[in-house]
Amino acid sequence: MAKLFEPPRYIAVEGPIRVGKSTLAKVVAETLRAQRISEPEDNKFLRSFYEGERGAAFQAQMAFLIKRYEQLRALALPKNPNKVIVSDYIFEKDKIFASLNLDDMEFDVYDRYYKLFHQEIPVPDLVIYLQASTEVLKKRLKKKNAPGEVKVSEEYIEAVNQAYEHFFFHYSASDLLIVNTSDIDFVERSEDLQALLRRVSEPIRGTQYFLPLGQDAANAD
């Protein structure tokens, strides 16, 4: 007898800066009445990193790594079989940024801790990867005008966006729904949000794409 569809218990929303991760994660968590896990933001080294201080990149990256590890390890999903989790990041994002921001010697030290921590982190049942063009991300960043992001260069945004594209092109750790948000507005257009929520409530196997105009999803080749 075929196994009935079991909704994902652990959903993670990912994507580059200002793509809409937190907004979507909040709505999905509220819809599913799930526990929401938000990206740790209180990193005392981050400002120094944005200002280009020597050594600040390594300090900021290690601080993020430890906080993300502690937060996700504490989920203890096997002990809570009825709990549903929605997170606005995956643990692997830490290594994406480390590969961009650290030199070879720093990355070697970082990677030793990353590999140890990664073994104890639960894997999401479903990852929703939000894409957007670099131009769209730049416009959203400028519009938001968050104090800690003022010094983020356009070159850095481009590099981060490309790194995410490369990472998710090879991603296979869990089921994956890819959503291009360049022409989607989850805040201003309720129909876009409702269409995506309907898609998330349906079975997703392997890598699939959300297409808001016409068909909702298509299987990856």
N, C-alpha and C. Protein backbone atom coordinates (compact mmCIF):
# COMPACT_ATOMS: atom_id res chain seq x y z
N MET A 1 0.85 -1.20 0.00
CA MET A 1 0.00 0.00 0.00
C MET A 1 0.88 1.25 0.00
N ALA A 2 0.57 2.18 -0.87
CA ALA A 2 1.38 3.39 -0.98
C ALA A 2 1.32 4.19 0.32
N LYS A 3 2.45 4.77 0.70
CA LYS A 3 2.52 5.56 1.91
C LYS A 3 1.84 6.91 1.70
N LEU A 4 0.96 7.28 2.62
CA LEU A 4 0.27 8.55 2.51
C LEU A 4 1.24 9.71 2.71
N PHE A 5 0.89 10.85 2.14
CA PHE A 5 1.73 12.03 2.25
C PHE A 5 1.80 12.51 3.70
N GLU A 6 3.02 12.68 4.18
CA GLU A 6 3.24 13.20 5.52
C GLU A 6 3.79 14.62 5.40
N PRO A 7 3.10 15.62 5.89
CA PRO A 7 3.58 17.00 5.79
C PRO A 7 4.94 17.14 6.47
N PRO A 8 5.79 18.00 5.95
CA PRO A 8 7.10 18.20 6.57
C PRO A 8 6.99 18.77 7.97
N ARG A 9 7.78 18.24 8.88
CA ARG A 9 7.78 18.72 10.26
C ARG A 9 8.79 19.84 10.47
N TYR A 10 9.81 19.86 9.63
CA TYR A 10 10.87 20.86 9.78
C TYR A 10 11.07 21.52 8.42
N ILE A 11 10.61 22.75 8.31
CA ILE A 11 10.72 23.53 7.07
C ILE A 11 11.71 24.68 7.29
N ALA A 12 12.60 24.86 6.35
CA ALA A 12 13.55 25.98 6.42
C ALA A 12 13.40 26.85 5.18
N VAL A 13 13.42 28.15 5.37
CA VAL A 13 13.34 29.12 4.28
C VAL A 13 14.71 29.77 4.13
N GLU A 14 15.24 29.78 2.92
CA GLU A 14 16.59 30.33 2.71
C GLU A 14 16.64 31.23 1.48
N GLY A 15 17.75 31.96 1.39
CA GLY A 15 17.98 32.85 0.26
C GLY A 15 18.87 34.01 0.68
N PRO A 16 19.37 34.77 -0.28
CA PRO A 16 20.28 35.88 0.01
C PRO A 16 19.59 37.04 0.73
N ILE A 17 20.38 37.99 1.12
CA ILE A 17 19.90 39.14 1.89
C ILE A 17 18.78 39.88 1.16
N ARG A 18 17.72 40.22 1.90
CA ARG A 18 16.55 40.98 1.43
C ARG A 18 15.70 40.25 0.39
N VAL A 19 15.77 38.91 0.40
CA VAL A 19 14.95 38.16 -0.54
C VAL A 19 13.56 37.86 0.03
N GLY A 20 13.39 38.05 1.35
CA GLY A 20 12.08 37.86 1.97
C GLY A 20 11.96 36.63 2.84
N LYS A 21 13.08 36.08 3.29
CA LYS A 21 13.07 34.85 4.10
C LYS A 21 12.24 35.00 5.38
N SER A 22 12.56 36.03 6.15
CA SER A 22 11.91 36.18 7.45
C SER A 22 10.41 36.40 7.32
N THR A 23 10.02 37.20 6.33
CA THR A 23 8.59 37.46 6.11
C THR A 23 7.85 36.18 5.79
N LEU A 24 8.40 35.40 4.87
CA LEU A 24 7.73 34.16 4.48
C LEU A 24 7.73 33.15 5.62
N ALA A 25 8.85 33.02 6.32
CA ALA A 25 8.94 32.07 7.44
C ALA A 25 7.90 32.40 8.50
N LYS A 26 7.71 33.67 8.76
CA LYS A 26 6.72 34.09 9.76
C LYS A 26 5.31 33.68 9.35
N VAL A 27 4.97 33.92 8.09
CA VAL A 27 3.63 33.58 7.61
C VAL A 27 3.41 32.07 7.59
N VAL A 28 4.41 31.32 7.12
CA VAL A 28 4.28 29.87 7.07
C VAL A 28 4.13 29.30 8.48
N ALA A 29 4.91 29.82 9.42
CA ALA A 29 4.83 29.36 10.81
C ALA A 29 3.45 29.63 11.40
N GLU A 30 2.91 30.82 11.13
CA GLU A 30 1.59 31.17 11.64
C GLU A 30 0.51 30.28 11.01
N THR A 31 0.65 30.02 9.71
CA THR A 31 -0.33 29.19 9.01
C THR A 31 -0.34 27.76 9.53
N LEU A 32 0.84 27.23 9.80
CA LEU A 32 0.96 25.85 10.25
C LEU A 32 0.92 25.72 11.77
N ARG A 33 0.81 26.88 12.45
CA ARG A 33 0.86 26.90 13.92
C ARG A 33 2.13 26.22 14.42
N ALA A 34 3.22 26.59 13.79
CA ALA A 34 4.51 25.98 14.07
C ALA A 34 5.39 26.89 14.93
N GLN A 35 6.40 26.30 15.52
CA GLN A 35 7.40 27.09 16.23
C GLN A 35 8.32 27.74 15.20
N ARG A 36 8.53 29.03 15.34
CA ARG A 36 9.37 29.75 14.39
C ARG A 36 10.76 29.95 14.97
N ILE A 37 11.77 29.64 14.16
CA ILE A 37 13.16 29.83 14.54
C ILE A 37 13.72 30.96 13.69
N SER A 38 14.18 32.02 14.33
CA SER A 38 14.69 33.18 13.59
C SER A 38 16.22 33.22 13.64
N GLU A 39 16.78 33.69 12.57
CA GLU A 39 18.23 33.84 12.43
C GLU A 39 18.81 34.66 13.58
N PRO A 40 19.86 34.16 14.27
CA PRO A 40 20.52 34.96 15.30
C PRO A 40 21.10 36.24 14.68
N GLU A 41 20.84 37.38 15.31
CA GLU A 41 21.29 38.65 14.76
C GLU A 41 22.23 39.43 15.68
N ASP A 42 22.26 39.09 16.94
CA ASP A 42 23.06 39.86 17.89
C ASP A 42 24.54 39.43 17.85
N ASN A 43 25.22 39.85 16.81
CA ASN A 43 26.63 39.52 16.63
C ASN A 43 27.45 40.79 16.81
N LYS A 44 28.19 40.86 17.89
CA LYS A 44 28.91 42.08 18.23
C LYS A 44 30.08 42.37 17.30
N PHE A 45 30.45 41.41 16.46
CA PHE A 45 31.56 41.61 15.52
C PHE A 45 31.09 42.05 14.14
N LEU A 46 29.78 42.06 13.92
CA LEU A 46 29.26 42.29 12.57
C LEU A 46 29.56 43.70 12.07
N ARG A 47 29.39 44.69 12.91
CA ARG A 47 29.64 46.07 12.49
C ARG A 47 31.10 46.26 12.09
N SER A 48 31.99 45.68 12.88
CA SER A 48 33.43 45.77 12.56
C SER A 48 33.74 45.10 11.23
N PHE A 49 33.03 43.99 10.96
CA PHE A 49 33.21 43.31 9.68
C PHE A 49 32.78 44.19 8.53
N TYR A 50 31.60 44.81 8.63
CA TYR A 50 31.11 45.68 7.56
C TYR A 50 32.02 46.88 7.35
N GLU A 51 32.70 47.30 8.42
CA GLU A 51 33.61 48.44 8.31
C GLU A 51 35.00 48.03 7.84
N GLY A 52 35.21 46.73 7.62
CA GLY A 52 36.46 46.25 7.05
C GLY A 52 37.61 46.10 8.02
N GLU A 53 37.33 46.00 9.31
CA GLU A 53 38.40 45.84 10.29
C GLU A 53 39.08 44.49 10.14
N ARG A 54 40.39 44.49 10.30
CA ARG A 54 41.17 43.26 10.13
C ARG A 54 40.79 42.22 11.20
N GLY A 55 40.55 41.00 10.78
CA GLY A 55 40.21 39.92 11.70
C GLY A 55 38.75 39.84 12.07
N ALA A 56 37.99 40.87 11.75
CA ALA A 56 36.58 40.90 12.15
C ALA A 56 35.75 39.85 11.41
N ALA A 57 36.12 39.53 10.20
CA ALA A 57 35.37 38.53 9.43
C ALA A 57 35.41 37.18 10.13
N PHE A 58 36.58 36.77 10.57
CA PHE A 58 36.72 35.49 11.25
C PHE A 58 35.95 35.49 12.57
N GLN A 59 36.07 36.59 13.32
CA GLN A 59 35.36 36.70 14.60
C GLN A 59 33.85 36.63 14.40
N ALA A 60 33.36 37.38 13.42
CA ALA A 60 31.92 37.40 13.16
C ALA A 60 31.43 36.03 12.69
N GLN A 61 32.21 35.36 11.84
CA GLN A 61 31.79 34.07 11.31
C GLN A 61 31.75 33.01 12.39
N MET A 62 32.74 32.99 13.26
CA MET A 62 32.76 32.01 14.33
C MET A 62 31.62 32.26 15.32
N ALA A 63 31.33 33.52 15.59
CA ALA A 63 30.23 33.85 16.49
C ALA A 63 28.90 33.36 15.92
N PHE A 64 28.69 33.58 14.62
CA PHE A 64 27.47 33.10 13.96
C PHE A 64 27.40 31.57 13.99
N LEU A 65 28.53 30.93 13.70
CA LEU A 65 28.56 29.47 13.66
C LEU A 65 28.13 28.87 14.99
N ILE A 66 28.66 29.39 16.07
CA ILE A 66 28.34 28.87 17.40
C ILE A 66 26.89 29.11 17.75
N LYS A 67 26.38 30.30 17.46
CA LYS A 67 24.99 30.62 17.80
C LYS A 67 24.01 29.78 16.98
N ARG A 68 24.30 29.60 15.69
CA ARG A 68 23.42 28.80 14.85
C ARG A 68 23.44 27.34 15.30
N TYR A 69 24.62 26.86 15.64
CA TYR A 69 24.74 25.49 16.14
C TYR A 69 23.93 25.29 17.42
N GLU A 70 24.10 26.18 18.37
CA GLU A 70 23.39 26.07 19.64
C GLU A 70 21.88 26.13 19.45
N GLN A 71 21.44 27.01 18.56
CA GLN A 71 20.00 27.19 18.33
C GLN A 71 19.37 25.97 17.68
N LEU A 72 19.99 25.43 16.62
CA LEU A 72 19.41 24.31 15.90
C LEU A 72 19.58 22.99 16.65
N ARG A 73 20.65 22.84 17.36
CA ARG A 73 20.85 21.61 18.15
C ARG A 73 19.80 21.49 19.25
N ALA A 74 19.36 22.63 19.78
CA ALA A 74 18.39 22.64 20.87
C ALA A 74 16.98 22.24 20.42
N LEU A 75 16.75 22.11 19.11
CA LEU A 75 15.42 21.75 18.62
C LEU A 75 15.00 20.36 19.11
N ALA A 76 15.96 19.44 19.21
CA ALA A 76 15.69 18.10 19.73
C ALA A 76 14.44 17.48 19.10
N LEU A 77 14.39 17.44 17.78
CA LEU A 77 13.20 16.94 17.07
C LEU A 77 12.82 15.49 17.40
N PRO A 78 13.78 14.57 17.55
CA PRO A 78 13.38 13.19 17.88
C PRO A 78 12.61 13.08 19.19
N LYS A 79 12.85 13.99 20.11
CA LYS A 79 12.17 13.96 21.41
C LYS A 79 10.80 14.64 21.35
N ASN A 80 10.53 15.34 20.25
CA ASN A 80 9.26 16.07 20.11
C ASN A 80 8.62 15.72 18.77
N PRO A 81 8.08 14.50 18.64
CA PRO A 81 7.57 14.02 17.35
C PRO A 81 6.39 14.80 16.78
N ASN A 82 5.70 15.56 17.62
CA ASN A 82 4.53 16.31 17.14
C ASN A 82 4.83 17.78 16.87
N LYS A 83 6.05 18.18 17.11
CA LYS A 83 6.41 19.58 16.93
C LYS A 83 6.66 19.89 15.45
N VAL A 84 6.20 21.06 14.99
CA VAL A 84 6.48 21.53 13.64
C VAL A 84 7.34 22.77 13.76
N ILE A 85 8.42 22.80 13.00
CA ILE A 85 9.40 23.89 13.06
C ILE A 85 9.48 24.60 11.72
N VAL A 86 9.51 25.92 11.74
CA VAL A 86 9.78 26.72 10.54
C VAL A 86 10.93 27.66 10.87
N SER A 87 12.02 27.52 10.14
CA SER A 87 13.22 28.33 10.37
C SER A 87 13.47 29.24 9.17
N ASP A 88 14.07 30.41 9.41
CA ASP A 88 14.37 31.29 8.29
C ASP A 88 15.84 31.19 7.86
N TYR A 89 16.45 30.03 8.14
CA TYR A 89 17.81 29.76 7.65
C TYR A 89 18.11 28.28 7.79
N ILE A 90 19.13 27.82 7.07
CA ILE A 90 19.66 26.47 7.25
C ILE A 90 21.10 26.60 7.74
N PHE A 91 21.57 25.59 8.42
CA PHE A 91 22.92 25.66 9.01
C PHE A 91 23.99 25.86 7.95
N GLU A 92 23.78 25.27 6.78
CA GLU A 92 24.80 25.35 5.72
C GLU A 92 25.06 26.76 5.23
N LYS A 93 24.12 27.69 5.48
CA LYS A 93 24.34 29.07 5.03
C LYS A 93 25.60 29.65 5.65
N ASP A 94 25.92 29.17 6.86
CA ASP A 94 27.09 29.70 7.54
C ASP A 94 28.35 29.48 6.71
N LYS A 95 28.44 28.29 6.11
CA LYS A 95 29.62 27.98 5.31
C LYS A 95 29.64 28.75 4.00
N ILE A 96 28.46 29.07 3.47
CA ILE A 96 28.39 29.88 2.26
C ILE A 96 29.08 31.22 2.51
N PHE A 97 28.75 31.86 3.62
CA PHE A 97 29.34 33.16 3.93
C PHE A 97 30.81 33.03 4.34
N ALA A 98 31.15 31.95 5.02
CA ALA A 98 32.55 31.75 5.41
C ALA A 98 33.44 31.62 4.18
N SER A 99 32.95 30.94 3.15
CA SER A 99 33.75 30.77 1.94
C SER A 99 33.98 32.09 1.22
N LEU A 100 33.08 33.04 1.42
CA LEU A 100 33.22 34.35 0.80
C LEU A 100 34.10 35.30 1.61
N ASN A 101 34.04 35.17 2.94
CA ASN A 101 34.61 36.21 3.81
C ASN A 101 35.94 35.86 4.45
N LEU A 102 36.32 34.59 4.47
CA LEU A 102 37.54 34.19 5.18
C LEU A 102 38.67 33.86 4.21
N ASP A 103 39.90 34.12 4.65
CA ASP A 103 41.04 33.71 3.83
C ASP A 103 41.28 32.21 4.06
N ASP A 104 42.24 31.63 3.35
CA ASP A 104 42.43 30.18 3.38
C ASP A 104 42.75 29.66 4.77
N MET A 105 43.62 30.36 5.51
CA MET A 105 44.01 29.89 6.83
C MET A 105 42.84 29.99 7.81
N GLU A 106 42.09 31.07 7.73
CA GLU A 106 40.92 31.24 8.60
C GLU A 106 39.87 30.18 8.28
N PHE A 107 39.66 29.94 6.99
CA PHE A 107 38.64 28.97 6.60
C PHE A 107 39.00 27.57 7.05
N ASP A 108 40.28 27.23 7.05
CA ASP A 108 40.71 25.90 7.49
C ASP A 108 40.33 25.67 8.95
N VAL A 109 40.57 26.67 9.79
CA VAL A 109 40.21 26.58 11.21
C VAL A 109 38.69 26.52 11.36
N TYR A 110 38.00 27.42 10.67
CA TYR A 110 36.55 27.46 10.72
C TYR A 110 35.95 26.12 10.33
N ASP A 111 36.45 25.53 9.25
CA ASP A 111 35.85 24.33 8.68
C ASP A 111 35.94 23.14 9.63
N ARG A 112 36.96 23.09 10.46
CA ARG A 112 37.08 22.00 11.42
C ARG A 112 35.91 22.03 12.40
N TYR A 113 35.58 23.22 12.88
CA TYR A 113 34.46 23.36 13.81
C TYR A 113 33.13 23.12 13.08
N TYR A 114 33.03 23.64 11.86
CA TYR A 114 31.80 23.47 11.09
C TYR A 114 31.47 21.99 10.92
N LYS A 115 32.44 21.18 10.56
CA LYS A 115 32.21 19.76 10.32
C LYS A 115 31.78 19.04 11.59
N LEU A 116 32.36 19.40 12.72
CA LEU A 116 31.97 18.80 14.00
C LEU A 116 30.54 19.17 14.37
N PHE A 117 30.21 20.45 14.23
CA PHE A 117 28.88 20.92 14.58
C PHE A 117 27.80 20.35 13.65
N HIS A 118 28.14 20.26 12.37
CA HIS A 118 27.16 19.85 11.36
C HIS A 118 26.62 18.45 11.63
N GLN A 119 27.41 17.59 12.24
CA GLN A 119 26.99 16.22 12.53
C GLN A 119 25.83 16.17 13.53
N GLU A 120 25.66 17.21 14.32
CA GLU A 120 24.65 17.20 15.37
C GLU A 120 23.43 18.06 15.04
N ILE A 121 23.37 18.57 13.83
CA ILE A 121 22.28 19.47 13.43
C ILE A 121 21.21 18.68 12.65
N PRO A 122 19.94 18.83 13.00
CA PRO A 122 18.88 18.14 12.24
C PRO A 122 18.76 18.67 10.82
N VAL A 123 18.40 17.79 9.89
CA VAL A 123 18.25 18.16 8.49
C VAL A 123 16.78 18.50 8.23
N PRO A 124 16.49 19.62 7.58
CA PRO A 124 15.09 19.96 7.28
C PRO A 124 14.43 18.92 6.39
N ASP A 125 13.11 18.76 6.56
CA ASP A 125 12.36 17.91 5.64
C ASP A 125 12.14 18.62 4.31
N LEU A 126 12.00 19.94 4.39
CA LEU A 126 11.76 20.75 3.19
C LEU A 126 12.49 22.08 3.32
N VAL A 127 13.19 22.46 2.26
CA VAL A 127 13.81 23.78 2.19
C VAL A 127 13.13 24.58 1.08
N ILE A 128 12.74 25.80 1.41
CA ILE A 128 12.18 26.71 0.41
C ILE A 128 13.27 27.74 0.10
N TYR A 129 13.81 27.67 -1.10
CA TYR A 129 14.89 28.58 -1.50
C TYR A 129 14.30 29.74 -2.30
N LEU A 130 14.43 30.93 -1.76
CA LEU A 130 13.92 32.13 -2.41
C LEU A 130 15.02 32.78 -3.24
N GLN A 131 14.77 32.90 -4.53
CA GLN A 131 15.71 33.54 -5.45
C GLN A 131 15.26 34.96 -5.77
N ALA A 132 16.18 35.76 -6.25
CA ALA A 132 15.85 37.07 -6.84
C ALA A 132 17.09 37.52 -7.60
N SER A 133 16.88 38.35 -8.60
CA SER A 133 18.02 38.89 -9.34
C SER A 133 18.80 39.82 -8.43
N THR A 134 20.06 40.01 -8.74
CA THR A 134 20.89 40.91 -7.93
C THR A 134 20.36 42.33 -7.95
N GLU A 135 19.82 42.76 -9.08
CA GLU A 135 19.26 44.12 -9.17
C GLU A 135 18.08 44.29 -8.24
N VAL A 136 17.23 43.27 -8.16
CA VAL A 136 16.08 43.33 -7.26
C VAL A 136 16.55 43.38 -5.81
N LEU A 137 17.55 42.58 -5.47
CA LEU A 137 18.08 42.57 -4.10
C LEU A 137 18.67 43.93 -3.73
N LYS A 138 19.35 44.56 -4.67
CA LYS A 138 19.94 45.88 -4.42
C LYS A 138 18.84 46.91 -4.13
N LYS A 139 17.77 46.86 -4.92
CA LYS A 139 16.66 47.81 -4.72
C LYS A 139 16.00 47.60 -3.37
N ARG A 140 15.80 46.35 -2.98
CA ARG A 140 15.18 46.05 -1.70
C ARG A 140 16.07 46.46 -0.53
N LEU A 141 17.36 46.25 -0.70
CA LEU A 141 18.32 46.63 0.34
C LEU A 141 18.31 48.14 0.55
N LYS A 142 18.29 48.86 -0.56
CA LYS A 142 18.27 50.33 -0.49
C LYS A 142 16.97 50.83 0.13
N LYS A 143 15.86 50.19 -0.22
CA LYS A 143 14.56 50.59 0.30
C LYS A 143 14.47 50.33 1.80
N LYS A 144 14.99 49.20 2.25
CA LYS A 144 14.96 48.85 3.67
C LYS A 144 15.82 49.78 4.50
N ASN A 145 17.03 50.07 3.96
CA ASN A 145 17.95 51.03 4.59
C ASN A 145 18.21 50.70 6.06
N ALA A 146 18.44 49.42 6.35
CA ALA A 146 18.73 49.00 7.72
C ALA A 146 20.11 49.51 8.12
N PRO A 147 20.26 50.01 9.37
CA PRO A 147 21.53 50.59 9.82
C PRO A 147 22.74 49.69 9.62
N GLY A 148 22.59 48.40 9.92
CA GLY A 148 23.73 47.49 9.82
C GLY A 148 24.07 47.10 8.40
N GLU A 149 23.23 47.47 7.42
CA GLU A 149 23.45 47.05 6.04
C GLU A 149 23.86 48.19 5.12
N VAL A 150 24.01 49.38 5.67
CA VAL A 150 24.32 50.55 4.86
C VAL A 150 25.65 50.37 4.13
N LYS A 151 26.62 49.73 4.78
CA LYS A 151 27.95 49.60 4.21
C LYS A 151 28.12 48.36 3.32
N VAL A 152 27.04 47.61 3.10
CA VAL A 152 27.13 46.43 2.24
C VAL A 152 27.26 46.88 0.78
N SER A 153 28.34 46.45 0.13
CA SER A 153 28.60 46.89 -1.24
C SER A 153 27.78 46.10 -2.24
N GLU A 154 27.59 46.68 -3.42
CA GLU A 154 26.87 45.99 -4.48
C GLU A 154 27.64 44.76 -4.95
N GLU A 155 28.97 44.84 -4.92
CA GLU A 155 29.80 43.70 -5.31
C GLU A 155 29.58 42.52 -4.35
N TYR A 156 29.43 42.84 -3.06
CA TYR A 156 29.22 41.79 -2.07
C TYR A 156 27.86 41.13 -2.26
N ILE A 157 26.84 41.92 -2.56
CA ILE A 157 25.50 41.38 -2.82
C ILE A 157 25.54 40.42 -4.01
N GLU A 158 26.25 40.83 -5.06
CA GLU A 158 26.40 39.99 -6.25
C GLU A 158 27.09 38.67 -5.90
N ALA A 159 28.16 38.76 -5.11
CA ALA A 159 28.92 37.56 -4.74
C ALA A 159 28.07 36.61 -3.90
N VAL A 160 27.31 37.16 -2.95
CA VAL A 160 26.44 36.33 -2.11
C VAL A 160 25.37 35.65 -2.95
N ASN A 161 24.78 36.40 -3.86
CA ASN A 161 23.72 35.84 -4.70
C ASN A 161 24.25 34.69 -5.56
N GLN A 162 25.41 34.87 -6.13
CA GLN A 162 26.00 33.82 -6.95
C GLN A 162 26.36 32.59 -6.12
N ALA A 163 26.83 32.83 -4.88
CA ALA A 163 27.19 31.72 -4.00
C ALA A 163 25.96 30.89 -3.64
N TYR A 164 24.84 31.56 -3.40
CA TYR A 164 23.60 30.84 -3.11
C TYR A 164 23.15 30.03 -4.32
N GLU A 165 23.22 30.63 -5.51
CA GLU A 165 22.82 29.91 -6.72
C GLU A 165 23.65 28.64 -6.90
N HIS A 166 24.93 28.76 -6.70
CA HIS A 166 25.83 27.61 -6.86
C HIS A 166 25.52 26.54 -5.82
N PHE A 167 25.31 26.96 -4.58
CA PHE A 167 25.04 26.00 -3.51
C PHE A 167 23.77 25.22 -3.77
N PHE A 168 22.69 25.91 -4.10
CA PHE A 168 21.42 25.22 -4.26
C PHE A 168 21.31 24.47 -5.58
N PHE A 169 22.16 24.79 -6.54
CA PHE A 169 22.20 24.00 -7.77
C PHE A 169 22.63 22.57 -7.46
N HIS A 170 23.46 22.42 -6.43
CA HIS A 170 23.98 21.10 -6.06
C HIS A 170 23.30 20.52 -4.81
N TYR A 171 22.32 21.21 -4.26
CA TYR A 171 21.73 20.80 -2.98
C TYR A 171 20.85 19.56 -3.14
N SER A 172 21.03 18.58 -2.24
CA SER A 172 20.21 17.36 -2.30
C SER A 172 19.94 16.78 -0.92
N ALA A 173 20.24 17.53 0.13
CA ALA A 173 20.10 17.00 1.49
C ALA A 173 18.65 16.81 1.90
N SER A 174 17.74 17.56 1.30
CA SER A 174 16.32 17.44 1.62
C SER A 174 15.49 17.85 0.41
N ASP A 175 14.18 17.69 0.50
CA ASP A 175 13.33 18.17 -0.58
C ASP A 175 13.47 19.68 -0.70
N LEU A 176 13.38 20.18 -1.93
CA LEU A 176 13.69 21.59 -2.18
C LEU A 176 12.65 22.21 -3.11
N LEU A 177 12.10 23.33 -2.67
CA LEU A 177 11.19 24.12 -3.52
C LEU A 177 11.87 25.44 -3.83
N ILE A 178 12.12 25.70 -5.12
CA ILE A 178 12.80 26.92 -5.54
C ILE A 178 11.77 27.94 -6.00
N VAL A 179 11.84 29.13 -5.41
CA VAL A 179 10.87 30.18 -5.70
C VAL A 179 11.61 31.44 -6.15
N ASN A 180 11.37 31.87 -7.38
CA ASN A 180 11.97 33.12 -7.84
C ASN A 180 11.06 34.28 -7.43
N THR A 181 11.55 35.13 -6.55
CA THR A 181 10.72 36.20 -5.98
C THR A 181 10.88 37.54 -6.70
N SER A 182 11.60 37.57 -7.81
CA SER A 182 11.82 38.84 -8.50
C SER A 182 10.51 39.50 -8.92
N ASP A 183 9.52 38.68 -9.28
CA ASP A 183 8.22 39.21 -9.70
C ASP A 183 7.09 38.79 -8.77
N ILE A 184 7.45 38.37 -7.55
CA ILE A 184 6.46 37.95 -6.57
C ILE A 184 6.55 38.86 -5.36
N ASP A 185 5.43 39.23 -4.80
CA ASP A 185 5.41 40.09 -3.62
C ASP A 185 4.48 39.47 -2.58
N PHE A 186 5.07 38.81 -1.58
CA PHE A 186 4.27 38.14 -0.57
C PHE A 186 3.59 39.12 0.38
N VAL A 187 4.08 40.34 0.44
CA VAL A 187 3.51 41.34 1.34
C VAL A 187 2.37 42.10 0.68
N GLU A 188 2.58 42.56 -0.54
CA GLU A 188 1.60 43.40 -1.23
C GLU A 188 0.54 42.62 -2.00
N ARG A 189 0.87 41.40 -2.44
CA ARG A 189 -0.07 40.63 -3.26
C ARG A 189 -0.44 39.34 -2.54
N SER A 190 -1.63 39.33 -1.96
CA SER A 190 -2.08 38.18 -1.20
C SER A 190 -2.19 36.93 -2.06
N GLU A 191 -2.53 37.10 -3.34
CA GLU A 191 -2.69 35.93 -4.21
C GLU A 191 -1.38 35.17 -4.39
N ASP A 192 -0.25 35.91 -4.42
CA ASP A 192 1.05 35.25 -4.52
C ASP A 192 1.32 34.41 -3.28
N LEU A 193 1.04 34.99 -2.13
CA LEU A 193 1.27 34.29 -0.87
C LEU A 193 0.38 33.06 -0.75
N GLN A 194 -0.90 33.18 -1.08
CA GLN A 194 -1.82 32.07 -0.95
C GLN A 194 -1.46 30.93 -1.91
N ALA A 195 -1.00 31.29 -3.10
CA ALA A 195 -0.60 30.26 -4.07
C ALA A 195 0.60 29.47 -3.55
N LEU A 196 1.55 30.16 -2.94
CA LEU A 196 2.72 29.48 -2.40
C LEU A 196 2.36 28.61 -1.20
N LEU A 197 1.50 29.12 -0.33
CA LEU A 197 1.07 28.33 0.83
C LEU A 197 0.36 27.06 0.39
N ARG A 198 -0.43 27.16 -0.68
CA ARG A 198 -1.10 25.96 -1.19
C ARG A 198 -0.07 24.95 -1.70
N ARG A 199 0.96 25.47 -2.37
CA ARG A 199 1.99 24.57 -2.91
C ARG A 199 2.75 23.86 -1.79
N VAL A 200 3.04 24.57 -0.72
CA VAL A 200 3.78 23.99 0.39
C VAL A 200 2.97 22.90 1.08
N SER A 201 1.65 23.00 1.02
CA SER A 201 0.78 22.00 1.66
C SER A 201 0.66 20.73 0.84
N GLU A 202 1.20 20.73 -0.38
CA GLU A 202 1.15 19.57 -1.26
C GLU A 202 2.49 18.83 -1.24
N PRO A 203 2.50 17.57 -1.68
CA PRO A 203 3.75 16.81 -1.69
C PRO A 203 4.82 17.46 -2.56
N ILE A 204 6.03 17.53 -2.05
CA ILE A 204 7.18 18.03 -2.80
C ILE A 204 8.27 16.97 -2.68
N ARG A 205 8.71 16.47 -3.80
CA ARG A 205 9.72 15.42 -3.80
C ARG A 205 10.90 15.86 -4.67
N GLY A 206 12.10 15.72 -4.12
CA GLY A 206 13.29 16.14 -4.85
C GLY A 206 13.32 17.65 -4.97
N THR A 207 13.70 18.15 -6.14
CA THR A 207 13.76 19.58 -6.40
C THR A 207 12.63 19.99 -7.32
N GLN A 208 11.83 20.96 -6.90
CA GLN A 208 10.73 21.45 -7.71
C GLN A 208 10.76 22.98 -7.72
N TYR A 209 10.04 23.55 -8.70
CA TYR A 209 10.02 25.01 -8.87
C TYR A 209 8.61 25.54 -8.72
N PHE A 210 8.48 26.65 -8.02
CA PHE A 210 7.19 27.30 -7.87
C PHE A 210 7.03 28.35 -8.96
N LEU A 211 5.98 28.19 -9.77
CA LEU A 211 5.71 29.12 -10.86
C LEU A 211 4.36 29.77 -10.61
N PRO A 212 4.32 30.99 -10.10
CA PRO A 212 3.04 31.62 -9.73
C PRO A 212 2.13 31.94 -10.89
N LEU A 213 2.68 32.06 -12.09
CA LEU A 213 1.86 32.38 -13.26
C LEU A 213 1.53 31.10 -14.00
N GLY A 214 0.28 30.65 -13.91
CA GLY A 214 -0.11 29.42 -14.58
C GLY A 214 0.11 28.23 -13.68
N GLN A 215 1.08 27.39 -14.00
CA GLN A 215 1.35 26.21 -13.22
C GLN A 215 2.08 26.61 -11.95
N ASP A 216 1.83 25.86 -10.87
CA ASP A 216 2.44 26.17 -9.58
C ASP A 216 3.83 25.59 -9.44
N ALA A 217 4.07 24.46 -10.04
CA ALA A 217 5.37 23.84 -9.87
C ALA A 217 5.69 22.94 -11.04
N ALA A 218 6.97 22.71 -11.21
CA ALA A 218 7.41 21.78 -12.25
C ALA A 218 8.54 20.96 -11.71
N ASN A 219 8.60 19.72 -12.09
CA ASN A 219 9.69 18.87 -11.61
C ASN A 219 10.99 19.29 -12.24
N ALA A 220 12.08 19.14 -11.48
CA ALA A 220 13.39 19.44 -12.02
C ALA A 220 13.79 18.34 -12.99
N ASP A 221 14.64 18.70 -13.94
CA ASP A 221 15.12 17.69 -14.89
C ASP A 221 16.03 16.72 -14.18
